[in-house]
Every structure is written in structure tokens, then in C-alpha cells.
Amino acid sequence: MINAMTLMGLKLAAAPAGGENAAEKVFPPFNPDYFATQVFWLLLTFGILYFLLSRIFLPRIGQTIEERSSRIADDLDAASRMQKEAEEAEKSYERALADAKAKAHNVAETTRQSVDAEIKVEMDAADAEASKAAEAAETRIRGVRAKALANIESVASEAAQATIEALTGKKPTLATVKKALN
């Protein structure tokens, strides 16, 4: 608190040169006559302010802070739950994708094997047809060759007869020419 010397010094400093109204010219908050009323109003104002803060404002602020913290906690819980659900969904997606890839591979492999089997059957059938056609061609060729060989003797005899006739001017008999060729 302010000591008495300071108060008197303030009174003297604030006193006018005339001296009569010196007590009236003191700065009112420092005037000891008003200390009791100032303390009363200070305590009353502080009490009202303390009551308002402790009973009305601080509980509302505390409630708001609690609501916000519980909302934040709920949001964090929801976010972690959603993150776990997303991770599970990703795992199930990856499993489904792997299963689909395996199934597609199996289908492709089965299809390839069946196509290979069909191609082999068709190739065997084509080979069998080609073999039959080759045998038929060989049979015809043998027949034509045998026929040609059978006719070659007569053709050679006739050619030799024509050559001898052209060279000598005489036509030999076919039997003589055949006898000479053999």
C-alpha cells in the first residue's frame, strides 16, 4: 500500500499556492477519505466478476473445449476405422485381382491346350490324307511307268525302223528290228 509519506507528498505537490483548497485538490484515488468506499467497490466488483467467471463463462468455455476435444477424438476414431476399412478393402481387391489373374491364366492355358490338341488332330488327319494321296499318286505313277516301259520297246523298234529306212532306204521288218535291239 501507499505509505503516509507518499500521500502527504502528493498532497503538498498537488496543493495550490493559496493553501486553502489544498485538501480538495488531492487526486481522488489517493485521498484517504475515499479508501473505504474504494475497497468496498473493489471487493464488490471483484466478487461479481469472480461469480460471473466461475459460474457462467468458465463452465461454458470448459464445456466447449470438452465438446471440441470429444468431437476431435470421435473424428480421429472414425478416421482410423475408415483407414482400416480402406486397408481391408485394398487387401480384398488385391486378392480378387490375384484370383482373377490366376483364373485368366488357367483359362488361357486350358484354351491353349485344347487348341493345340485340335491342331494336332487336324494335322494328323491332313497327314493321313496326304499319305493316301501320295500312295494313290505313286500307284498311278507306277502304272504309267509300267505302261510306258511296255510301250517303250515298240516305240524304240518303230524309231529304229524309221531311222534305218531313212539311212538305207529299205524298210526292215519289225521283228528284225526287235531282235536286233534285244
N, C-alpha and C. Protein backbone atom coordinates (compact mmCIF):
# COMPACT_ATOMS: atom_id res chain seq x y z
N MET A 1 0.83 -1.18 0.00
CA MET A 1 0.00 0.00 0.00
C MET A 1 0.87 1.24 0.00
N ILE A 2 0.23 2.27 -0.26
CA ILE A 2 0.96 3.53 -0.34
C ILE A 2 1.18 4.02 1.09
N ASN A 3 2.41 4.36 1.41
CA ASN A 3 2.66 4.83 2.79
C ASN A 3 2.24 6.29 2.96
N ALA A 4 2.19 6.71 4.17
CA ALA A 4 1.67 8.03 4.53
C ALA A 4 2.55 9.14 4.00
N MET A 5 3.83 8.94 3.92
CA MET A 5 4.74 9.96 3.44
C MET A 5 4.48 10.25 1.96
N THR A 6 4.23 9.24 1.27
CA THR A 6 3.98 9.43 -0.15
C THR A 6 2.68 10.20 -0.35
N LEU A 7 1.68 9.86 0.47
CA LEU A 7 0.41 10.54 0.36
C LEU A 7 0.55 12.02 0.71
N MET A 8 1.30 12.32 1.71
CA MET A 8 1.47 13.71 2.11
C MET A 8 2.26 14.47 1.06
N GLY A 9 3.22 13.78 0.48
CA GLY A 9 4.00 14.41 -0.58
C GLY A 9 3.11 14.71 -1.78
N LEU A 10 2.18 13.84 -2.05
CA LEU A 10 1.27 14.06 -3.16
C LEU A 10 0.33 15.22 -2.82
N LYS A 11 -0.10 15.28 -1.57
CA LYS A 11 -0.98 16.37 -1.16
C LYS A 11 -0.26 17.70 -1.30
N LEU A 12 0.97 17.75 -0.86
CA LEU A 12 1.71 19.00 -0.93
C LEU A 12 2.00 19.38 -2.37
N ALA A 13 2.32 18.37 -3.17
CA ALA A 13 2.64 18.66 -4.56
C ALA A 13 1.40 19.11 -5.30
N ALA A 14 0.25 18.55 -4.93
CA ALA A 14 -0.97 18.90 -5.63
C ALA A 14 -1.62 20.15 -5.07
N ALA A 15 -1.14 20.62 -3.96
CA ALA A 15 -1.75 21.80 -3.32
C ALA A 15 -1.43 23.05 -4.10
N PRO A 16 -2.43 23.90 -4.27
CA PRO A 16 -2.18 25.15 -4.97
C PRO A 16 -1.41 26.13 -4.09
N ALA A 17 -0.96 27.13 -4.67
CA ALA A 17 -0.15 28.10 -3.95
C ALA A 17 -0.94 28.82 -2.87
N GLY A 18 -2.25 28.91 -2.95
CA GLY A 18 -3.08 29.63 -1.99
C GLY A 18 -3.16 28.90 -0.69
N GLY A 19 -3.17 27.57 -0.64
CA GLY A 19 -3.15 26.79 0.57
C GLY A 19 -4.50 26.45 1.13
N GLU A 20 -5.58 27.14 0.86
CA GLU A 20 -6.88 26.87 1.47
C GLU A 20 -7.53 25.64 0.90
N ASN A 21 -7.57 25.49 -0.35
CA ASN A 21 -8.26 24.36 -1.00
C ASN A 21 -7.30 23.22 -1.30
N ALA A 22 -6.27 23.11 -0.52
CA ALA A 22 -5.26 22.09 -0.76
C ALA A 22 -5.84 20.70 -0.55
N ALA A 23 -6.72 20.48 0.42
CA ALA A 23 -7.30 19.17 0.68
C ALA A 23 -8.27 18.79 -0.41
N GLU A 24 -8.90 19.71 -1.03
CA GLU A 24 -9.87 19.41 -2.08
C GLU A 24 -9.17 19.11 -3.40
N LYS A 25 -7.98 19.53 -3.58
CA LYS A 25 -7.27 19.35 -4.85
C LYS A 25 -6.44 18.07 -4.89
N VAL A 26 -6.51 17.18 -3.94
CA VAL A 26 -5.77 15.92 -3.93
C VAL A 26 -6.42 14.98 -4.94
N PHE A 27 -5.58 14.19 -5.65
CA PHE A 27 -6.07 13.23 -6.64
C PHE A 27 -6.96 12.24 -5.90
N PRO A 28 -8.26 12.11 -6.28
CA PRO A 28 -9.24 11.35 -5.50
C PRO A 28 -8.84 9.91 -5.19
N PRO A 29 -8.24 9.11 -6.09
CA PRO A 29 -7.90 7.75 -5.68
C PRO A 29 -6.87 7.70 -4.57
N PHE A 30 -6.10 8.75 -4.40
CA PHE A 30 -5.09 8.77 -3.34
C PHE A 30 -5.57 9.49 -2.08
N ASN A 31 -6.78 9.94 -2.09
CA ASN A 31 -7.34 10.63 -0.93
C ASN A 31 -7.77 9.58 0.08
N PRO A 32 -7.24 9.60 1.31
CA PRO A 32 -7.56 8.59 2.31
C PRO A 32 -9.04 8.61 2.72
N ASP A 33 -9.74 9.67 2.48
CA ASP A 33 -11.15 9.73 2.85
C ASP A 33 -11.97 8.75 2.00
N TYR A 34 -11.51 8.43 0.81
CA TYR A 34 -12.27 7.56 -0.09
C TYR A 34 -11.78 6.10 -0.08
N PHE A 35 -10.81 5.75 0.71
CA PHE A 35 -10.27 4.39 0.69
C PHE A 35 -11.32 3.36 1.05
N ALA A 36 -12.14 3.61 2.01
CA ALA A 36 -13.14 2.63 2.44
C ALA A 36 -14.13 2.34 1.32
N THR A 37 -14.62 3.36 0.66
CA THR A 37 -15.57 3.14 -0.44
C THR A 37 -14.89 2.48 -1.63
N GLN A 38 -13.65 2.83 -1.87
CA GLN A 38 -12.92 2.21 -2.99
C GLN A 38 -12.70 0.72 -2.75
N VAL A 39 -12.36 0.37 -1.53
CA VAL A 39 -12.16 -1.04 -1.19
C VAL A 39 -13.49 -1.77 -1.31
N PHE A 40 -14.57 -1.17 -0.84
CA PHE A 40 -15.90 -1.78 -0.96
C PHE A 40 -16.22 -2.08 -2.42
N TRP A 41 -16.08 -1.06 -3.27
CA TRP A 41 -16.41 -1.26 -4.69
C TRP A 41 -15.46 -2.23 -5.37
N LEU A 42 -14.22 -2.21 -4.94
CA LEU A 42 -13.26 -3.18 -5.48
C LEU A 42 -13.69 -4.59 -5.13
N LEU A 43 -14.03 -4.84 -3.87
CA LEU A 43 -14.43 -6.18 -3.47
C LEU A 43 -15.75 -6.58 -4.13
N LEU A 44 -16.70 -5.65 -4.22
CA LEU A 44 -17.98 -5.94 -4.86
C LEU A 44 -17.78 -6.27 -6.34
N THR A 45 -17.01 -5.47 -7.04
CA THR A 45 -16.75 -5.70 -8.46
C THR A 45 -16.00 -7.01 -8.66
N PHE A 46 -14.97 -7.24 -7.85
CA PHE A 46 -14.22 -8.49 -7.94
C PHE A 46 -15.11 -9.69 -7.66
N GLY A 47 -15.98 -9.60 -6.67
CA GLY A 47 -16.90 -10.70 -6.34
C GLY A 47 -17.86 -10.98 -7.47
N ILE A 48 -18.45 -9.93 -8.04
CA ILE A 48 -19.37 -10.12 -9.17
C ILE A 48 -18.63 -10.73 -10.36
N LEU A 49 -17.47 -10.21 -10.66
CA LEU A 49 -16.67 -10.73 -11.78
C LEU A 49 -16.27 -12.18 -11.53
N TYR A 50 -15.84 -12.49 -10.29
CA TYR A 50 -15.48 -13.86 -9.94
C TYR A 50 -16.68 -14.79 -10.08
N PHE A 51 -17.84 -14.34 -9.61
CA PHE A 51 -19.06 -15.14 -9.73
C PHE A 51 -19.41 -15.40 -11.19
N LEU A 52 -19.38 -14.34 -12.01
CA LEU A 52 -19.70 -14.50 -13.43
C LEU A 52 -18.72 -15.45 -14.12
N LEU A 53 -17.44 -15.28 -13.83
CA LEU A 53 -16.44 -16.15 -14.46
C LEU A 53 -16.59 -17.60 -14.00
N SER A 54 -16.71 -17.82 -12.68
CA SER A 54 -16.71 -19.18 -12.15
C SER A 54 -18.02 -19.91 -12.42
N ARG A 55 -19.14 -19.21 -12.46
CA ARG A 55 -20.44 -19.88 -12.61
C ARG A 55 -20.98 -19.86 -14.05
N ILE A 56 -20.58 -18.91 -14.84
CA ILE A 56 -21.19 -18.79 -16.17
C ILE A 56 -20.16 -18.98 -17.29
N PHE A 57 -19.16 -18.11 -17.35
CA PHE A 57 -18.26 -18.09 -18.50
C PHE A 57 -17.31 -19.28 -18.54
N LEU A 58 -16.62 -19.57 -17.45
CA LEU A 58 -15.64 -20.67 -17.45
C LEU A 58 -16.31 -22.03 -17.66
N PRO A 59 -17.49 -22.31 -17.06
CA PRO A 59 -18.12 -23.60 -17.39
C PRO A 59 -18.49 -23.72 -18.87
N ARG A 60 -18.97 -22.62 -19.46
CA ARG A 60 -19.30 -22.66 -20.89
C ARG A 60 -18.05 -22.90 -21.73
N ILE A 61 -16.98 -22.22 -21.40
CA ILE A 61 -15.72 -22.40 -22.12
C ILE A 61 -15.22 -23.83 -21.94
N GLY A 62 -15.29 -24.33 -20.70
CA GLY A 62 -14.86 -25.71 -20.43
C GLY A 62 -15.71 -26.72 -21.19
N GLN A 63 -17.03 -26.49 -21.23
CA GLN A 63 -17.93 -27.37 -21.96
C GLN A 63 -17.61 -27.35 -23.46
N THR A 64 -17.35 -26.17 -24.00
CA THR A 64 -17.00 -26.05 -25.41
C THR A 64 -15.69 -26.78 -25.70
N ILE A 65 -14.73 -26.63 -24.82
CA ILE A 65 -13.43 -27.31 -25.01
C ILE A 65 -13.63 -28.82 -24.95
N GLU A 66 -14.45 -29.29 -23.98
CA GLU A 66 -14.72 -30.73 -23.88
C GLU A 66 -15.43 -31.25 -25.14
N GLU A 67 -16.41 -30.50 -25.62
CA GLU A 67 -17.13 -30.90 -26.83
C GLU A 67 -16.18 -30.98 -28.02
N ARG A 68 -15.33 -29.99 -28.14
CA ARG A 68 -14.38 -29.99 -29.26
C ARG A 68 -13.41 -31.15 -29.15
N SER A 69 -12.91 -31.40 -27.92
CA SER A 69 -11.95 -32.49 -27.76
C SER A 69 -12.63 -33.84 -28.00
N SER A 70 -13.90 -33.99 -27.54
CA SER A 70 -14.60 -35.25 -27.81
C SER A 70 -14.91 -35.39 -29.30
N ARG A 71 -15.26 -34.30 -29.97
CA ARG A 71 -15.52 -34.34 -31.41
C ARG A 71 -14.24 -34.71 -32.16
N ILE A 72 -13.12 -34.12 -31.74
CA ILE A 72 -11.83 -34.45 -32.37
C ILE A 72 -11.49 -35.91 -32.15
N ALA A 73 -11.72 -36.41 -30.91
CA ALA A 73 -11.43 -37.82 -30.62
C ALA A 73 -12.33 -38.72 -31.47
N ASP A 74 -13.62 -38.37 -31.57
CA ASP A 74 -14.53 -39.16 -32.41
C ASP A 74 -14.09 -39.14 -33.87
N ASP A 75 -13.69 -37.97 -34.35
CA ASP A 75 -13.23 -37.86 -35.74
C ASP A 75 -11.97 -38.70 -35.96
N LEU A 76 -11.06 -38.67 -34.98
CA LEU A 76 -9.85 -39.48 -35.11
C LEU A 76 -10.18 -40.97 -35.10
N ASP A 77 -11.12 -41.37 -34.23
CA ASP A 77 -11.54 -42.78 -34.21
C ASP A 77 -12.18 -43.18 -35.53
N ALA A 78 -13.05 -42.31 -36.04
CA ALA A 78 -13.70 -42.59 -37.32
C ALA A 78 -12.65 -42.67 -38.44
N ALA A 79 -11.68 -41.77 -38.41
CA ALA A 79 -10.63 -41.78 -39.45
C ALA A 79 -9.81 -43.06 -39.38
N SER A 80 -9.45 -43.50 -38.16
CA SER A 80 -8.67 -44.73 -38.06
C SER A 80 -9.50 -45.93 -38.48
N ARG A 81 -10.81 -45.93 -38.14
CA ARG A 81 -11.69 -47.02 -38.56
C ARG A 81 -11.80 -47.05 -40.09
N MET A 82 -11.97 -45.87 -40.68
CA MET A 82 -12.06 -45.80 -42.14
C MET A 82 -10.75 -46.22 -42.80
N GLN A 83 -9.64 -45.87 -42.17
CA GLN A 83 -8.35 -46.26 -42.72
C GLN A 83 -8.21 -47.79 -42.69
N LYS A 84 -8.64 -48.41 -41.58
CA LYS A 84 -8.58 -49.87 -41.51
C LYS A 84 -9.50 -50.50 -42.55
N GLU A 85 -10.69 -49.92 -42.73
CA GLU A 85 -11.61 -50.43 -43.74
C GLU A 85 -11.00 -50.29 -45.13
N ALA A 86 -10.35 -49.17 -45.38
CA ALA A 86 -9.71 -48.96 -46.68
C ALA A 86 -8.58 -49.97 -46.90
N GLU A 87 -7.81 -50.23 -45.85
CA GLU A 87 -6.73 -51.22 -45.98
C GLU A 87 -7.31 -52.61 -46.24
N GLU A 88 -8.39 -52.96 -45.54
CA GLU A 88 -9.03 -54.26 -45.77
C GLU A 88 -9.59 -54.34 -47.19
N ALA A 89 -10.20 -53.24 -47.64
CA ALA A 89 -10.74 -53.21 -49.00
C ALA A 89 -9.61 -53.37 -50.02
N GLU A 90 -8.49 -52.73 -49.76
CA GLU A 90 -7.35 -52.84 -50.67
C GLU A 90 -6.83 -54.28 -50.70
N LYS A 91 -6.76 -54.91 -49.51
CA LYS A 91 -6.30 -56.31 -49.46
C LYS A 91 -7.26 -57.22 -50.21
N SER A 92 -8.56 -57.01 -50.00
CA SER A 92 -9.53 -57.87 -50.70
C SER A 92 -9.47 -57.61 -52.21
N TYR A 93 -9.26 -56.35 -52.61
CA TYR A 93 -9.10 -56.03 -54.03
C TYR A 93 -7.89 -56.74 -54.61
N GLU A 94 -6.77 -56.71 -53.87
CA GLU A 94 -5.56 -57.37 -54.36
C GLU A 94 -5.76 -58.88 -54.45
N ARG A 95 -6.47 -59.47 -53.45
CA ARG A 95 -6.75 -60.89 -53.51
C ARG A 95 -7.64 -61.22 -54.72
N ALA A 96 -8.68 -60.42 -54.92
CA ALA A 96 -9.58 -60.64 -56.05
C ALA A 96 -8.83 -60.50 -57.37
N LEU A 97 -7.95 -59.51 -57.45
CA LEU A 97 -7.15 -59.32 -58.65
C LEU A 97 -6.23 -60.51 -58.90
N ALA A 98 -5.59 -61.00 -57.83
CA ALA A 98 -4.70 -62.16 -57.98
C ALA A 98 -5.50 -63.39 -58.40
N ASP A 99 -6.70 -63.57 -57.79
CA ASP A 99 -7.55 -64.71 -58.18
C ASP A 99 -7.98 -64.59 -59.64
N ALA A 100 -8.34 -63.39 -60.05
CA ALA A 100 -8.76 -63.18 -61.44
C ALA A 100 -7.60 -63.46 -62.40
N LYS A 101 -6.40 -63.02 -62.03
CA LYS A 101 -5.23 -63.28 -62.88
C LYS A 101 -4.97 -64.78 -62.98
N ALA A 102 -5.06 -65.48 -61.83
CA ALA A 102 -4.83 -66.92 -61.84
C ALA A 102 -5.89 -67.62 -62.69
N LYS A 103 -7.14 -67.21 -62.53
CA LYS A 103 -8.22 -67.81 -63.30
C LYS A 103 -8.02 -67.56 -64.79
N ALA A 104 -7.65 -66.32 -65.14
CA ALA A 104 -7.40 -66.00 -66.55
C ALA A 104 -6.24 -66.83 -67.10
N HIS A 105 -5.21 -67.00 -66.28
CA HIS A 105 -4.07 -67.82 -66.71
C HIS A 105 -4.50 -69.26 -66.94
N ASN A 106 -5.31 -69.78 -66.01
CA ASN A 106 -5.81 -71.16 -66.16
C ASN A 106 -6.67 -71.30 -67.40
N VAL A 107 -7.55 -70.33 -67.63
CA VAL A 107 -8.41 -70.37 -68.82
C VAL A 107 -7.55 -70.32 -70.08
N ALA A 108 -6.56 -69.43 -70.08
CA ALA A 108 -5.69 -69.30 -71.25
C ALA A 108 -4.91 -70.60 -71.48
N GLU A 109 -4.42 -71.20 -70.41
CA GLU A 109 -3.66 -72.45 -70.53
C GLU A 109 -4.55 -73.58 -71.04
N THR A 110 -5.77 -73.66 -70.50
CA THR A 110 -6.72 -74.69 -70.94
C THR A 110 -7.07 -74.49 -72.41
N THR A 111 -7.33 -73.25 -72.78
CA THR A 111 -7.66 -72.93 -74.17
C THR A 111 -6.49 -73.28 -75.09
N ARG A 112 -5.29 -72.92 -74.66
CA ARG A 112 -4.10 -73.23 -75.47
C ARG A 112 -3.95 -74.74 -75.65
N GLN A 113 -4.15 -75.49 -74.57
CA GLN A 113 -4.03 -76.95 -74.68
C GLN A 113 -5.10 -77.54 -75.60
N SER A 114 -6.32 -77.03 -75.48
CA SER A 114 -7.38 -77.56 -76.36
C SER A 114 -7.13 -77.18 -77.82
N VAL A 115 -6.64 -75.97 -78.06
CA VAL A 115 -6.33 -75.56 -79.43
C VAL A 115 -5.17 -76.39 -79.97
N ASP A 116 -4.16 -76.64 -79.12
CA ASP A 116 -3.03 -77.48 -79.56
C ASP A 116 -3.52 -78.90 -79.91
N ALA A 117 -4.45 -79.41 -79.08
CA ALA A 117 -4.97 -80.75 -79.34
C ALA A 117 -5.76 -80.77 -80.66
N GLU A 118 -6.57 -79.75 -80.89
CA GLU A 118 -7.33 -79.67 -82.15
C GLU A 118 -6.39 -79.57 -83.34
N ILE A 119 -5.35 -78.74 -83.21
CA ILE A 119 -4.38 -78.59 -84.31
C ILE A 119 -3.69 -79.92 -84.58
N LYS A 120 -3.34 -80.66 -83.51
CA LYS A 120 -2.68 -81.94 -83.69
C LYS A 120 -3.60 -82.92 -84.41
N VAL A 121 -4.87 -82.95 -83.99
CA VAL A 121 -5.83 -83.85 -84.65
C VAL A 121 -5.97 -83.49 -86.12
N GLU A 122 -6.09 -82.19 -86.42
CA GLU A 122 -6.23 -81.75 -87.81
C GLU A 122 -4.96 -82.04 -88.60
N MET A 123 -3.80 -81.84 -87.96
CA MET A 123 -2.54 -82.14 -88.65
C MET A 123 -2.43 -83.64 -88.94
N ASP A 124 -2.83 -84.49 -87.99
CA ASP A 124 -2.79 -85.94 -88.21
C ASP A 124 -3.73 -86.32 -89.35
N ALA A 125 -4.92 -85.71 -89.36
CA ALA A 125 -5.87 -86.00 -90.44
C ALA A 125 -5.31 -85.55 -91.78
N ALA A 126 -4.69 -84.35 -91.80
CA ALA A 126 -4.10 -83.85 -93.05
C ALA A 126 -2.95 -84.73 -93.49
N ASP A 127 -2.12 -85.19 -92.52
CA ASP A 127 -1.01 -86.10 -92.86
C ASP A 127 -1.55 -87.41 -93.43
N ALA A 128 -2.64 -87.92 -92.82
CA ALA A 128 -3.22 -89.18 -93.32
C ALA A 128 -3.75 -88.98 -94.74
N GLU A 129 -4.42 -87.88 -94.99
CA GLU A 129 -4.93 -87.60 -96.35
C GLU A 129 -3.78 -87.47 -97.33
N ALA A 130 -2.72 -86.74 -96.89
CA ALA A 130 -1.56 -86.56 -97.78
C ALA A 130 -0.90 -87.90 -98.08
N SER A 131 -0.83 -88.76 -97.05
CA SER A 131 -0.23 -90.09 -97.26
C SER A 131 -1.06 -90.89 -98.26
N LYS A 132 -2.40 -90.85 -98.10
CA LYS A 132 -3.28 -91.57 -99.03
C LYS A 132 -3.12 -91.03 -100.45
N ALA A 133 -3.07 -89.67 -100.54
CA ALA A 133 -2.92 -89.05 -101.87
C ALA A 133 -1.57 -89.42 -102.47
N ALA A 134 -0.51 -89.47 -101.65
CA ALA A 134 0.83 -89.83 -102.14
C ALA A 134 0.84 -91.28 -102.61
N GLU A 135 0.19 -92.16 -101.84
CA GLU A 135 0.15 -93.56 -102.24
C GLU A 135 -0.62 -93.72 -103.55
N ALA A 136 -1.74 -92.99 -103.67
CA ALA A 136 -2.52 -93.07 -104.91
C ALA A 136 -1.70 -92.54 -106.08
N ALA A 137 -0.96 -91.45 -105.85
CA ALA A 137 -0.13 -90.89 -106.91
C ALA A 137 0.98 -91.86 -107.29
N GLU A 138 1.59 -92.49 -106.29
CA GLU A 138 2.65 -93.46 -106.58
C GLU A 138 2.09 -94.64 -107.36
N THR A 139 0.89 -95.06 -107.00
CA THR A 139 0.27 -96.16 -107.73
C THR A 139 0.03 -95.77 -109.17
N ARG A 140 -0.46 -94.58 -109.41
CA ARG A 140 -0.69 -94.10 -110.78
C ARG A 140 0.64 -93.99 -111.53
N ILE A 141 1.64 -93.43 -110.81
CA ILE A 141 2.96 -93.28 -111.46
C ILE A 141 3.51 -94.64 -111.84
N ARG A 142 3.39 -95.63 -110.95
CA ARG A 142 3.87 -96.98 -111.26
C ARG A 142 3.13 -97.57 -112.47
N GLY A 143 1.83 -97.30 -112.49
CA GLY A 143 1.03 -97.79 -113.63
C GLY A 143 1.47 -97.13 -114.93
N VAL A 144 1.65 -95.79 -114.88
CA VAL A 144 2.08 -95.07 -116.08
C VAL A 144 3.48 -95.52 -116.48
N ARG A 145 4.36 -95.72 -115.52
CA ARG A 145 5.73 -96.14 -115.81
C ARG A 145 5.73 -97.54 -116.44
N ALA A 146 4.93 -98.42 -115.83
CA ALA A 146 4.87 -99.78 -116.38
C ALA A 146 4.33 -99.76 -117.81
N LYS A 147 3.31 -98.95 -118.02
CA LYS A 147 2.73 -98.81 -119.35
C LYS A 147 3.75 -98.20 -120.30
N ALA A 148 4.48 -97.17 -119.81
CA ALA A 148 5.48 -96.53 -120.66
C ALA A 148 6.60 -97.51 -120.98
N LEU A 149 7.00 -98.31 -119.97
CA LEU A 149 8.07 -99.29 -120.22
C LEU A 149 7.60 -100.38 -121.21
N ALA A 150 6.34 -100.70 -121.09
CA ALA A 150 5.80 -101.71 -122.02
C ALA A 150 5.75 -101.14 -123.43
N ASN A 151 5.44 -99.90 -123.57
CA ASN A 151 5.35 -99.27 -124.88
C ASN A 151 6.71 -98.84 -125.41
N ILE A 152 7.70 -98.71 -124.54
CA ILE A 152 8.99 -98.19 -124.96
C ILE A 152 9.66 -99.11 -125.98
N GLU A 153 9.46 -100.40 -125.79
CA GLU A 153 10.09 -101.35 -126.72
C GLU A 153 9.49 -101.18 -128.12
N SER A 154 8.20 -101.03 -128.19
CA SER A 154 7.58 -100.89 -129.51
C SER A 154 7.92 -99.54 -130.12
N VAL A 155 7.95 -98.46 -129.25
CA VAL A 155 8.30 -97.13 -129.75
C VAL A 155 9.76 -97.14 -130.23
N ALA A 156 10.66 -97.78 -129.49
CA ALA A 156 12.06 -97.84 -129.87
C ALA A 156 12.22 -98.63 -131.16
N SER A 157 11.45 -99.70 -131.28
CA SER A 157 11.52 -100.52 -132.50
C SER A 157 11.06 -99.71 -133.69
N GLU A 158 9.97 -98.98 -133.55
CA GLU A 158 9.45 -98.17 -134.64
C GLU A 158 10.43 -97.05 -134.98
N ALA A 159 11.05 -96.43 -133.96
CA ALA A 159 12.01 -95.36 -134.21
C ALA A 159 13.24 -95.91 -134.92
N ALA A 160 13.68 -97.09 -134.51
CA ALA A 160 14.86 -97.69 -135.15
C ALA A 160 14.53 -98.06 -136.59
N GLN A 161 13.32 -98.61 -136.82
CA GLN A 161 12.89 -98.97 -138.17
C GLN A 161 12.85 -97.73 -139.04
N ALA A 162 12.35 -96.59 -138.51
CA ALA A 162 12.26 -95.35 -139.29
C ALA A 162 13.66 -94.82 -139.55
N THR A 163 14.56 -94.94 -138.62
CA THR A 163 15.92 -94.45 -138.80
C THR A 163 16.66 -95.28 -139.85
N ILE A 164 16.52 -96.59 -139.78
CA ILE A 164 17.18 -97.47 -140.74
C ILE A 164 16.63 -97.19 -142.13
N GLU A 165 15.34 -97.00 -142.21
CA GLU A 165 14.73 -96.73 -143.51
C GLU A 165 15.23 -95.40 -144.05
N ALA A 166 15.43 -94.42 -143.20
CA ALA A 166 15.90 -93.13 -143.66
C ALA A 166 17.36 -93.22 -144.10
N LEU A 167 18.12 -94.05 -143.46
CA LEU A 167 19.54 -94.14 -143.77
C LEU A 167 19.81 -95.04 -145.01
N THR A 168 19.11 -96.14 -145.03
CA THR A 168 19.37 -97.11 -146.09
C THR A 168 18.35 -97.03 -147.21
N GLY A 169 17.27 -96.58 -146.99
CA GLY A 169 16.21 -96.50 -147.97
C GLY A 169 15.38 -97.76 -148.01
N LYS A 170 15.74 -98.80 -147.26
CA LYS A 170 14.98 -100.04 -147.18
C LYS A 170 14.28 -100.08 -145.84
N LYS A 171 13.09 -100.64 -145.86
CA LYS A 171 12.31 -100.74 -144.63
C LYS A 171 12.49 -102.16 -144.08
N PRO A 172 13.16 -102.29 -142.90
CA PRO A 172 13.29 -103.62 -142.31
C PRO A 172 11.99 -104.02 -141.61
N THR A 173 11.82 -105.28 -141.36
CA THR A 173 10.62 -105.75 -140.67
C THR A 173 10.76 -105.44 -139.19
N LEU A 174 9.63 -105.35 -138.59
CA LEU A 174 9.57 -105.02 -137.16
C LEU A 174 10.20 -106.14 -136.32
N ALA A 175 10.04 -107.35 -136.70
CA ALA A 175 10.60 -108.48 -135.95
C ALA A 175 12.11 -108.46 -136.02
N THR A 176 12.69 -108.05 -137.18
CA THR A 176 14.15 -107.99 -137.33
C THR A 176 14.69 -106.89 -136.43
N VAL A 177 14.02 -105.77 -136.38
CA VAL A 177 14.48 -104.64 -135.56
C VAL A 177 14.41 -105.04 -134.08
N LYS A 178 13.34 -105.68 -133.68
CA LYS A 178 13.17 -106.07 -132.25
C LYS A 178 14.27 -107.07 -131.88
N LYS A 179 14.58 -107.96 -132.77
CA LYS A 179 15.58 -108.97 -132.50
C LYS A 179 16.95 -108.29 -132.34
N ALA A 180 17.20 -107.27 -133.13
CA ALA A 180 18.49 -106.58 -133.08
C ALA A 180 18.58 -105.74 -131.81
N LEU A 181 17.49 -105.18 -131.31
CA LEU A 181 17.52 -104.37 -130.10
C LEU A 181 17.69 -105.18 -128.84
N ASN A 182 17.21 -106.39 -128.84
CA ASN A 182 17.27 -107.19 -127.62
C ASN A 182 18.61 -107.81 -127.54
